[in-house]
Amino acid sequence: MNAPNALPGLALLASVAIAWRWQLIGGILLVLEAAIIAVVYFMMTYSIFPHSTIIFVLLTMALPPLVAGSLLLANWRRSKILEAP
């Protein structure tokens, strides 16, 4: 079975489902996931892979949730500013 390899994807999918309903919580979760991915992957592979490989993997694994979370937080803040009387 390939279940352990699917857990990070399932966690991201759960965060996206939460973000679909609650922008603030989902945005925070996605930004936290990106930070966790970046720190843990860097710590695990620093002495194993070349720096270019680490940067490429971080850009493909950590950047999408970071951008999505940042956009959700920006949209949430903008909607709160527009709602204010």
Protein backbone atom coordinates (compact mmCIF):
# COMPACT_ATOMS: atom_id res chain seq x y z
CA MET A 1 0.00 0.00 0.00
CA ASN A 2 1.07 3.55 -0.64
CA ALA A 3 -0.93 5.11 2.20
CA PRO A 4 1.95 6.87 4.05
CA ASN A 5 2.90 8.69 0.85
CA ALA A 6 -0.69 9.89 0.39
CA LEU A 7 -0.98 11.49 3.84
CA PRO A 8 0.59 14.87 2.92
CA GLY A 9 -1.70 15.14 -0.09
CA LEU A 10 -4.72 14.28 2.03
CA ALA A 11 -3.71 16.90 4.61
CA LEU A 12 -3.47 19.51 1.85
CA LEU A 13 -6.83 18.41 0.47
CA ALA A 14 -8.40 18.76 3.92
CA SER A 15 -6.92 22.25 4.27
CA VAL A 16 -8.31 23.26 0.89
CA ALA A 17 -11.74 21.93 1.90
CA ILE A 18 -11.58 24.02 5.08
CA ALA A 19 -10.39 27.05 3.10
CA TRP A 20 -13.32 26.65 0.73
CA ARG A 21 -15.69 27.34 3.64
CA TRP A 22 -13.63 29.55 5.99
CA GLN A 23 -11.08 31.77 4.26
CA LEU A 24 -9.24 32.95 7.35
CA ILE A 25 -8.73 29.52 8.90
CA GLY A 26 -7.93 27.92 5.56
CA GLY A 27 -5.45 30.64 4.65
CA ILE A 28 -3.65 30.27 7.95
CA LEU A 29 -3.57 26.47 7.58
CA LEU A 30 -2.14 26.66 4.07
CA VAL A 31 0.56 29.15 5.07
CA LEU A 32 1.47 26.97 8.07
CA GLU A 33 1.63 23.89 5.87
CA ALA A 34 3.96 25.67 3.46
CA ALA A 35 6.22 26.70 6.34
CA ILE A 36 6.25 23.18 7.77
CA ILE A 37 7.03 21.67 4.36
CA ALA A 38 9.86 24.13 3.79
CA VAL A 39 11.49 23.64 7.20
CA VAL A 40 11.10 19.87 7.47
CA TYR A 41 12.18 19.14 3.90
CA PHE A 42 15.21 21.40 4.22
CA MET A 43 16.22 19.78 7.52
CA MET A 44 15.79 16.26 6.15
CA THR A 45 17.66 16.76 2.89
CA TYR A 46 20.27 19.44 3.59
CA SER A 47 23.25 17.09 3.57
CA ILE A 48 21.83 14.60 1.07
CA PHE A 49 20.86 16.60 -2.04
CA PRO A 50 22.47 19.53 -3.83
CA HIS A 51 21.10 22.96 -3.04
CA SER A 52 19.55 23.33 -6.49
CA THR A 53 17.46 20.19 -5.95
CA ILE A 54 16.31 21.41 -2.55
CA ILE A 55 15.30 24.80 -3.96
CA PHE A 56 13.44 23.19 -6.87
CA VAL A 57 11.51 20.84 -4.60
CA LEU A 58 10.68 23.65 -2.18
CA LEU A 59 9.38 25.76 -5.06
CA THR A 60 7.16 22.92 -6.25
CA MET A 61 5.98 21.68 -2.84
CA ALA A 62 5.90 24.70 -0.52
CA LEU A 63 5.23 27.62 -2.86
CA PRO A 64 1.73 26.61 -4.08
CA PRO A 65 0.17 26.35 -0.58
CA LEU A 66 2.01 29.54 0.44
CA VAL A 67 0.61 31.48 -2.52
CA ALA A 68 -2.88 30.03 -2.09
CA GLY A 69 -2.91 30.78 1.63
CA SER A 70 -1.61 34.30 1.11
CA LEU A 71 -4.26 34.99 -1.51
CA LEU A 72 -6.99 33.64 0.77
CA LEU A 73 -5.80 35.84 3.63
CA ALA A 74 -5.59 38.89 1.36
CA ASN A 75 -9.09 38.24 0.03
CA TRP A 76 -10.45 37.74 3.55
CA ARG A 77 -8.89 41.02 4.70
CA ARG A 78 -10.18 42.85 1.62
CA SER A 79 -13.70 41.55 2.17
CA LYS A 80 -13.58 42.69 5.80
CA ILE A 81 -12.42 46.18 4.77
CA LEU A 82 -15.20 46.45 2.17
CA GLU A 83 -17.83 45.33 4.70
CA ALA A 84 -16.86 48.04 7.18
CA PRO A 85 -19.29 50.97 7.16
